[in-house]
């Protein structure tokens, strides 16, 4: 409940909105069936507990200079940083930016979940063919 209040307060302070489609709230059970899913057990997420998704689709302008983009993104960046740092939030793995994945990694969002994932990569003999910046930002390493 407090997380939603924080989102509201941040957007209000910036006089910002999510005018395209609003904010969606979904719930799911935390599970052990994945190491890196948003609902994976790990970090502060415990198997069987309920996790809440706060989805905030934001239009990405294509012709803003760096100064305008920083101004435009500021409220949404603050929301995400607050959710990750204060509430152990997890960002969508397919719909975000490099700095957010790095933030999750520095905050230990997935706990030790990356370790068994890396162990599986090595055990399966997966080589660097699949290595990329996205994997590196998550902490995935290749032999």
N, C-alpha and C. Protein backbone atom coordinates (compact mmCIF):
# COMPACT_ATOMS: atom_id res chain seq x y z
N UNK A 1 0.82 -1.19 0.00
CA UNK A 1 0.00 0.00 0.00
C UNK A 1 0.87 1.26 0.00
N UNK A 2 1.94 1.26 0.82
CA UNK A 2 2.81 2.43 0.88
C UNK A 2 3.54 2.63 -0.44
N UNK A 3 3.86 1.56 -1.13
CA UNK A 3 4.53 1.68 -2.43
C UNK A 3 3.66 2.47 -3.41
N UNK A 4 2.38 2.19 -3.42
CA UNK A 4 1.46 2.92 -4.30
C UNK A 4 1.36 4.39 -3.90
N UNK A 5 1.37 4.65 -2.61
CA UNK A 5 1.36 6.05 -2.15
C UNK A 5 2.63 6.77 -2.60
N UNK A 6 3.75 6.07 -2.51
CA UNK A 6 5.02 6.67 -2.94
C UNK A 6 4.99 6.99 -4.44
N UNK A 7 4.46 6.08 -5.24
CA UNK A 7 4.34 6.33 -6.69
C UNK A 7 3.49 7.57 -6.91
N UNK A 8 2.35 7.61 -6.28
CA UNK A 8 1.46 8.77 -6.41
C UNK A 8 2.16 10.07 -6.01
N UNK A 9 2.85 10.04 -4.87
CA UNK A 9 3.50 11.24 -4.36
C UNK A 9 4.63 11.72 -5.29
N UNK A 10 5.39 10.80 -5.82
CA UNK A 10 6.48 11.17 -6.74
C UNK A 10 5.90 11.80 -8.00
N UNK A 11 4.91 11.17 -8.59
CA UNK A 11 4.30 11.71 -9.81
C UNK A 11 3.65 13.07 -9.55
N UNK A 12 3.01 13.22 -8.40
CA UNK A 12 2.38 14.49 -8.05
C UNK A 12 3.43 15.58 -7.87
N UNK A 13 4.51 15.26 -7.17
CA UNK A 13 5.56 16.25 -6.94
C UNK A 13 6.17 16.75 -8.25
N UNK A 14 6.26 15.86 -9.23
CA UNK A 14 6.81 16.23 -10.54
C UNK A 14 5.73 16.76 -11.49
N UNK A 15 4.48 16.78 -11.02
CA UNK A 15 3.36 17.15 -11.89
C UNK A 15 3.36 16.30 -13.16
N UNK A 16 3.62 15.03 -12.97
CA UNK A 16 3.71 14.08 -14.09
C UNK A 16 2.48 13.19 -14.10
N UNK A 17 2.29 12.53 -15.22
CA UNK A 17 1.18 11.60 -15.34
C UNK A 17 1.61 10.42 -16.19
N UNK A 18 0.79 9.41 -16.18
CA UNK A 18 0.96 8.27 -17.08
C UNK A 18 -0.26 8.30 -17.98
N UNK A 19 -0.26 9.24 -18.85
CA UNK A 19 -1.45 9.58 -19.63
C UNK A 19 -1.76 8.61 -20.76
N UNK A 20 -0.82 7.76 -21.12
CA UNK A 20 -1.10 6.86 -22.24
C UNK A 20 -2.13 5.79 -21.87
N UNK A 21 -1.85 5.03 -20.84
CA UNK A 21 -2.77 3.95 -20.47
C UNK A 21 -2.94 3.78 -18.97
N UNK A 22 -2.38 4.65 -18.17
CA UNK A 22 -2.50 4.61 -16.71
C UNK A 22 -1.52 3.62 -16.09
N UNK A 23 -1.77 3.27 -14.85
CA UNK A 23 -0.93 2.32 -14.12
C UNK A 23 -1.74 1.05 -13.90
N UNK A 24 -1.11 -0.08 -14.13
CA UNK A 24 -1.76 -1.37 -13.92
C UNK A 24 -1.20 -2.01 -12.66
N UNK A 25 -2.07 -2.68 -11.94
CA UNK A 25 -1.65 -3.40 -10.75
C UNK A 25 -2.08 -4.85 -10.91
N UNK A 26 -1.11 -5.75 -10.78
CA UNK A 26 -1.40 -7.19 -10.88
C UNK A 26 -0.76 -7.90 -9.70
N UNK A 27 -1.25 -9.08 -9.42
CA UNK A 27 -0.71 -9.87 -8.32
C UNK A 27 -0.41 -11.28 -8.81
N UNK A 28 0.61 -11.88 -8.21
CA UNK A 28 0.95 -13.26 -8.54
C UNK A 28 1.63 -13.89 -7.33
N UNK A 29 1.72 -15.20 -7.33
CA UNK A 29 2.40 -15.91 -6.27
C UNK A 29 3.89 -16.03 -6.62
N UNK A 30 4.73 -15.85 -5.63
CA UNK A 30 6.16 -16.07 -5.79
C UNK A 30 6.37 -17.57 -5.92
N UNK A 31 7.25 -17.97 -6.86
CA UNK A 31 7.45 -19.39 -7.14
C UNK A 31 8.94 -19.72 -7.26
N UNK A 32 9.23 -20.99 -7.18
CA UNK A 32 10.61 -21.47 -7.32
C UNK A 32 10.88 -22.00 -8.72
N UNK A 33 9.95 -21.82 -9.64
CA UNK A 33 10.08 -22.41 -10.98
C UNK A 33 11.01 -21.63 -11.91
N UNK A 34 11.52 -20.50 -11.48
CA UNK A 34 12.43 -19.72 -12.30
C UNK A 34 13.44 -19.03 -11.39
N UNK A 35 14.61 -18.76 -11.94
CA UNK A 35 15.62 -18.02 -11.18
C UNK A 35 15.54 -16.53 -11.41
N UNK A 36 15.07 -16.11 -12.58
CA UNK A 36 15.15 -14.70 -12.93
C UNK A 36 13.81 -14.05 -13.29
N UNK A 37 12.72 -14.73 -13.14
CA UNK A 37 11.42 -14.12 -13.44
C UNK A 37 11.08 -13.08 -12.37
N UNK A 38 10.18 -12.18 -12.70
CA UNK A 38 9.75 -11.17 -11.72
C UNK A 38 9.17 -11.81 -10.47
N UNK A 39 8.61 -12.99 -10.60
CA UNK A 39 7.98 -13.66 -9.48
C UNK A 39 8.84 -14.79 -8.89
N UNK A 40 10.13 -14.82 -9.24
CA UNK A 40 11.01 -15.88 -8.75
C UNK A 40 11.35 -15.67 -7.28
N UNK A 41 11.39 -16.77 -6.55
CA UNK A 41 11.85 -16.71 -5.17
C UNK A 41 13.31 -16.24 -5.18
N UNK A 42 13.65 -15.44 -4.22
CA UNK A 42 15.01 -14.94 -4.11
C UNK A 42 15.00 -13.51 -3.62
N UNK A 43 16.12 -13.08 -3.03
CA UNK A 43 16.13 -11.76 -2.43
C UNK A 43 15.08 -11.74 -1.32
N UNK A 44 14.21 -10.75 -1.32
CA UNK A 44 13.17 -10.69 -0.28
C UNK A 44 11.88 -11.40 -0.70
N UNK A 45 11.87 -12.03 -1.87
CA UNK A 45 10.69 -12.74 -2.36
C UNK A 45 10.70 -14.16 -1.82
N UNK A 46 9.66 -14.56 -1.12
CA UNK A 46 9.57 -15.89 -0.50
C UNK A 46 8.51 -16.73 -1.21
N UNK A 47 8.85 -18.00 -1.44
CA UNK A 47 7.95 -18.92 -2.13
C UNK A 47 6.56 -18.91 -1.50
N UNK A 48 5.54 -18.78 -2.34
CA UNK A 48 4.16 -18.83 -1.89
C UNK A 48 3.57 -17.49 -1.49
N UNK A 49 4.42 -16.49 -1.24
CA UNK A 49 3.90 -15.16 -0.90
C UNK A 49 3.34 -14.49 -2.14
N UNK A 50 2.58 -13.44 -1.94
CA UNK A 50 2.01 -12.70 -3.06
C UNK A 50 2.92 -11.53 -3.42
N UNK A 51 3.21 -11.42 -4.71
CA UNK A 51 3.98 -10.28 -5.22
C UNK A 51 3.03 -9.39 -6.00
N UNK A 52 3.27 -8.09 -5.92
CA UNK A 52 2.44 -7.13 -6.64
C UNK A 52 3.27 -6.50 -7.76
N UNK A 53 2.69 -6.45 -8.94
CA UNK A 53 3.29 -5.75 -10.07
C UNK A 53 2.67 -4.37 -10.18
N UNK A 54 3.52 -3.37 -10.32
CA UNK A 54 3.06 -2.02 -10.64
C UNK A 54 3.60 -1.73 -12.03
N UNK A 55 2.72 -1.75 -13.01
CA UNK A 55 3.14 -1.51 -14.40
C UNK A 55 2.81 -0.08 -14.78
N UNK A 56 3.80 0.60 -15.31
CA UNK A 56 3.64 2.00 -15.64
C UNK A 56 4.18 2.24 -17.05
N UNK A 57 3.41 1.90 -18.07
CA UNK A 57 3.87 2.13 -19.44
C UNK A 57 4.08 3.62 -19.69
N UNK A 58 5.24 3.96 -20.20
CA UNK A 58 5.59 5.36 -20.46
C UNK A 58 6.05 5.48 -21.91
N UNK A 59 5.54 6.46 -22.60
CA UNK A 59 5.94 6.71 -23.99
C UNK A 59 7.41 7.12 -24.01
N UNK A 60 8.15 6.60 -24.94
CA UNK A 60 9.56 6.92 -25.11
C UNK A 60 9.72 7.86 -26.29
N UNK A 61 9.92 9.15 -26.05
CA UNK A 61 10.09 10.10 -27.16
C UNK A 61 11.31 9.75 -28.01
N UNK A 62 11.24 10.01 -29.30
CA UNK A 62 12.35 9.64 -30.17
C UNK A 62 13.18 10.83 -30.62
N UNK A 63 12.73 12.05 -30.33
CA UNK A 63 13.46 13.21 -30.85
C UNK A 63 13.77 14.24 -29.77
N UNK A 64 13.87 13.80 -28.52
CA UNK A 64 14.25 14.72 -27.45
C UNK A 64 15.77 14.76 -27.37
N UNK A 65 16.34 15.95 -27.14
CA UNK A 65 17.77 16.01 -26.87
C UNK A 65 17.99 15.48 -25.45
N UNK A 66 19.24 15.31 -25.07
CA UNK A 66 19.56 14.69 -23.78
C UNK A 66 18.97 15.46 -22.60
N UNK A 67 18.98 16.79 -22.66
CA UNK A 67 18.46 17.59 -21.56
C UNK A 67 16.95 17.40 -21.41
N UNK A 68 16.22 17.43 -22.51
CA UNK A 68 14.77 17.22 -22.45
C UNK A 68 14.44 15.80 -22.02
N UNK A 69 15.20 14.84 -22.49
CA UNK A 69 14.94 13.44 -22.11
C UNK A 69 15.15 13.25 -20.61
N UNK A 70 16.19 13.84 -20.07
CA UNK A 70 16.44 13.74 -18.63
C UNK A 70 15.29 14.35 -17.83
N UNK A 71 14.80 15.51 -18.29
CA UNK A 71 13.66 16.16 -17.63
C UNK A 71 12.42 15.27 -17.72
N UNK A 72 12.16 14.75 -18.91
CA UNK A 72 10.97 13.93 -19.16
C UNK A 72 11.00 12.64 -18.32
N UNK A 73 12.16 12.01 -18.25
CA UNK A 73 12.27 10.72 -17.56
C UNK A 73 12.39 10.83 -16.04
N UNK A 74 12.72 12.00 -15.53
CA UNK A 74 13.01 12.16 -14.10
C UNK A 74 11.95 11.57 -13.17
N UNK A 75 10.67 11.87 -13.35
CA UNK A 75 9.70 11.31 -12.39
C UNK A 75 9.60 9.78 -12.48
N UNK A 76 9.66 9.26 -13.68
CA UNK A 76 9.52 7.82 -13.85
C UNK A 76 10.77 7.09 -13.33
N UNK A 77 11.92 7.73 -13.54
CA UNK A 77 13.17 7.17 -13.02
C UNK A 77 13.12 7.13 -11.49
N UNK A 78 12.64 8.20 -10.90
CA UNK A 78 12.54 8.23 -9.43
C UNK A 78 11.58 7.17 -8.92
N UNK A 79 10.48 6.97 -9.62
CA UNK A 79 9.52 5.92 -9.22
C UNK A 79 10.21 4.56 -9.22
N UNK A 80 10.87 4.24 -10.32
CA UNK A 80 11.50 2.92 -10.44
C UNK A 80 12.61 2.75 -9.41
N UNK A 81 13.44 3.77 -9.25
CA UNK A 81 14.51 3.66 -8.26
C UNK A 81 13.95 3.47 -6.86
N UNK A 82 12.86 4.16 -6.54
CA UNK A 82 12.23 4.01 -5.23
C UNK A 82 11.68 2.60 -5.05
N UNK A 83 11.00 2.08 -6.07
CA UNK A 83 10.43 0.74 -5.95
C UNK A 83 11.52 -0.32 -5.82
N UNK A 84 12.62 -0.18 -6.56
CA UNK A 84 13.71 -1.16 -6.48
C UNK A 84 14.44 -1.04 -5.14
N UNK A 85 14.79 0.18 -4.75
CA UNK A 85 15.61 0.36 -3.54
C UNK A 85 14.81 0.19 -2.24
N UNK A 86 13.59 0.68 -2.21
CA UNK A 86 12.82 0.68 -0.97
C UNK A 86 11.96 -0.57 -0.80
N UNK A 87 11.46 -1.09 -1.91
CA UNK A 87 10.50 -2.20 -1.83
C UNK A 87 11.00 -3.47 -2.51
N UNK A 88 12.28 -3.52 -2.84
CA UNK A 88 12.86 -4.68 -3.53
C UNK A 88 12.12 -4.99 -4.82
N UNK A 89 11.65 -3.94 -5.49
CA UNK A 89 10.94 -4.13 -6.75
C UNK A 89 11.83 -4.73 -7.82
N UNK A 90 11.22 -5.34 -8.79
CA UNK A 90 11.92 -5.94 -9.92
C UNK A 90 11.36 -5.36 -11.21
N UNK A 91 12.25 -4.99 -12.09
CA UNK A 91 11.82 -4.41 -13.35
C UNK A 91 11.53 -5.50 -14.37
N UNK A 92 10.77 -5.18 -15.38
CA UNK A 92 10.45 -6.11 -16.46
C UNK A 92 11.73 -6.37 -17.26
N UNK A 93 12.10 -7.63 -17.39
CA UNK A 93 13.36 -7.97 -18.05
C UNK A 93 13.39 -7.60 -19.53
N UNK A 94 12.25 -7.47 -20.15
CA UNK A 94 12.25 -7.20 -21.58
C UNK A 94 11.89 -5.78 -21.97
N UNK A 95 11.65 -4.93 -21.00
CA UNK A 95 11.12 -3.60 -21.35
C UNK A 95 11.79 -2.48 -20.57
N UNK A 96 13.10 -2.54 -20.40
CA UNK A 96 13.72 -1.49 -19.63
C UNK A 96 15.10 -1.13 -20.14
N UNK A 97 15.80 -0.35 -19.37
CA UNK A 97 17.06 0.24 -19.81
C UNK A 97 18.24 -0.31 -19.03
N UNK A 98 19.40 -0.18 -19.63
CA UNK A 98 20.64 -0.70 -19.07
C UNK A 98 20.85 -0.28 -17.62
N UNK A 99 20.66 1.02 -17.31
CA UNK A 99 20.92 1.49 -15.95
C UNK A 99 20.00 0.82 -14.93
N UNK A 100 18.79 0.42 -15.36
CA UNK A 100 17.88 -0.25 -14.43
C UNK A 100 18.34 -1.66 -14.11
N UNK A 101 18.83 -2.38 -15.11
CA UNK A 101 19.35 -3.73 -14.85
C UNK A 101 20.58 -3.65 -13.95
N UNK A 102 21.41 -2.64 -14.18
CA UNK A 102 22.59 -2.46 -13.34
C UNK A 102 22.19 -2.08 -11.91
N UNK A 103 21.12 -1.29 -11.77
CA UNK A 103 20.61 -0.94 -10.44
C UNK A 103 20.15 -2.20 -9.71
N UNK A 104 19.39 -3.04 -10.38
CA UNK A 104 18.94 -4.29 -9.75
C UNK A 104 20.13 -5.13 -9.32
N UNK A 105 21.12 -5.21 -10.17
CA UNK A 105 22.30 -6.01 -9.84
C UNK A 105 23.01 -5.44 -8.61
N UNK A 106 23.20 -4.12 -8.57
CA UNK A 106 23.89 -3.51 -7.43
C UNK A 106 23.07 -3.62 -6.15
N UNK A 107 21.75 -3.64 -6.27
CA UNK A 107 20.87 -3.75 -5.11
C UNK A 107 20.67 -5.21 -4.66
N UNK A 108 21.13 -6.17 -5.47
CA UNK A 108 20.94 -7.59 -5.12
C UNK A 108 19.50 -8.02 -5.21
N UNK A 109 18.77 -7.47 -6.17
CA UNK A 109 17.34 -7.70 -6.31
C UNK A 109 16.97 -9.18 -6.35
N UNK A 110 17.75 -9.98 -7.05
CA UNK A 110 17.43 -11.40 -7.19
C UNK A 110 18.18 -12.27 -6.19
N UNK A 111 18.79 -11.66 -5.20
CA UNK A 111 19.54 -12.43 -4.22
C UNK A 111 20.64 -13.21 -4.90
N UNK A 112 20.72 -14.48 -4.59
CA UNK A 112 21.76 -15.33 -5.17
C UNK A 112 21.27 -16.09 -6.40
N UNK A 113 20.13 -15.72 -6.96
CA UNK A 113 19.54 -16.47 -8.07
C UNK A 113 20.42 -16.53 -9.31
N UNK A 114 21.26 -15.53 -9.52
CA UNK A 114 22.11 -15.55 -10.71
C UNK A 114 23.15 -16.66 -10.60
N UNK A 115 23.55 -17.02 -9.39
CA UNK A 115 24.57 -18.06 -9.21
C UNK A 115 24.14 -19.40 -9.80
N UNK A 116 22.95 -19.95 -9.47
CA UNK A 116 22.56 -21.22 -10.10
C UNK A 116 22.35 -21.09 -11.61
N UNK A 117 21.95 -19.90 -12.06
CA UNK A 117 21.80 -19.68 -13.50
C UNK A 117 23.17 -19.79 -14.17
N UNK A 118 24.16 -19.15 -13.59
CA UNK A 118 25.52 -19.24 -14.13
C UNK A 118 26.06 -20.66 -14.04
N UNK A 119 25.74 -21.37 -12.96
CA UNK A 119 26.16 -22.77 -12.83
C UNK A 119 25.55 -23.61 -13.95
N UNK A 120 24.28 -23.36 -14.28
CA UNK A 120 23.61 -24.09 -15.36
C UNK A 120 24.24 -23.77 -16.71
N UNK A 121 24.60 -22.52 -16.93
CA UNK A 121 25.27 -22.14 -18.18
C UNK A 121 26.55 -22.93 -18.34
N UNK A 122 27.34 -23.00 -17.26
CA UNK A 122 28.61 -23.75 -17.33
C UNK A 122 28.36 -25.25 -17.49
N UNK A 123 27.40 -25.80 -16.73
CA UNK A 123 27.12 -27.24 -16.79
C UNK A 123 26.62 -27.66 -18.16
N UNK A 124 25.87 -26.80 -18.82
CA UNK A 124 25.35 -27.12 -20.15
C UNK A 124 26.38 -26.86 -21.25
N UNK A 125 27.50 -26.28 -20.88
CA UNK A 125 28.54 -26.02 -21.87
C UNK A 125 28.17 -24.91 -22.83
N UNK A 126 27.30 -24.02 -22.39
CA UNK A 126 26.92 -22.89 -23.25
C UNK A 126 28.12 -21.96 -23.35
N UNK A 127 28.51 -21.66 -24.57
CA UNK A 127 29.67 -20.79 -24.71
C UNK A 127 29.26 -19.34 -24.93
N UNK A 128 30.21 -18.52 -25.27
CA UNK A 128 29.95 -17.09 -25.35
C UNK A 128 29.08 -16.67 -26.53
N UNK A 129 28.62 -17.61 -27.32
CA UNK A 129 27.74 -17.27 -28.44
C UNK A 129 26.53 -16.47 -27.99
N UNK A 130 26.06 -16.73 -26.78
CA UNK A 130 24.88 -16.04 -26.27
C UNK A 130 25.22 -14.87 -25.36
N UNK A 131 26.49 -14.59 -25.17
CA UNK A 131 26.90 -13.48 -24.32
C UNK A 131 26.53 -12.16 -24.98
N UNK A 132 25.99 -11.25 -24.19
CA UNK A 132 25.65 -9.93 -24.70
C UNK A 132 25.58 -8.96 -23.52
N UNK A 133 25.43 -7.69 -23.82
CA UNK A 133 25.41 -6.68 -22.76
C UNK A 133 24.25 -6.89 -21.79
N UNK A 134 23.10 -7.32 -22.29
CA UNK A 134 21.94 -7.57 -21.44
C UNK A 134 22.27 -8.64 -20.40
N UNK A 135 22.86 -9.74 -20.84
CA UNK A 135 23.22 -10.82 -19.92
C UNK A 135 24.24 -10.32 -18.89
N UNK A 136 25.21 -9.57 -19.36
CA UNK A 136 26.23 -9.03 -18.45
C UNK A 136 25.61 -8.12 -17.39
N UNK A 137 24.65 -7.30 -17.81
CA UNK A 137 23.99 -6.39 -16.86
C UNK A 137 23.23 -7.15 -15.78
N UNK A 138 22.75 -8.33 -16.11
CA UNK A 138 22.06 -9.17 -15.13
C UNK A 138 23.02 -9.95 -14.24
N UNK A 139 24.31 -10.00 -14.67
CA UNK A 139 25.30 -10.76 -13.90
C UNK A 139 25.54 -12.16 -14.45
N UNK A 140 25.05 -12.44 -15.63
CA UNK A 140 25.24 -13.74 -16.25
C UNK A 140 26.62 -13.77 -16.88
N UNK A 141 27.34 -14.84 -16.62
CA UNK A 141 28.68 -14.99 -17.17
C UNK A 141 28.74 -16.25 -18.03
N UNK A 142 29.64 -16.23 -18.98
CA UNK A 142 29.80 -17.35 -19.90
C UNK A 142 31.23 -17.84 -19.84
N UNK A 143 31.42 -19.17 -19.95
CA UNK A 143 32.78 -19.73 -19.90
C UNK A 143 33.61 -19.27 -21.10
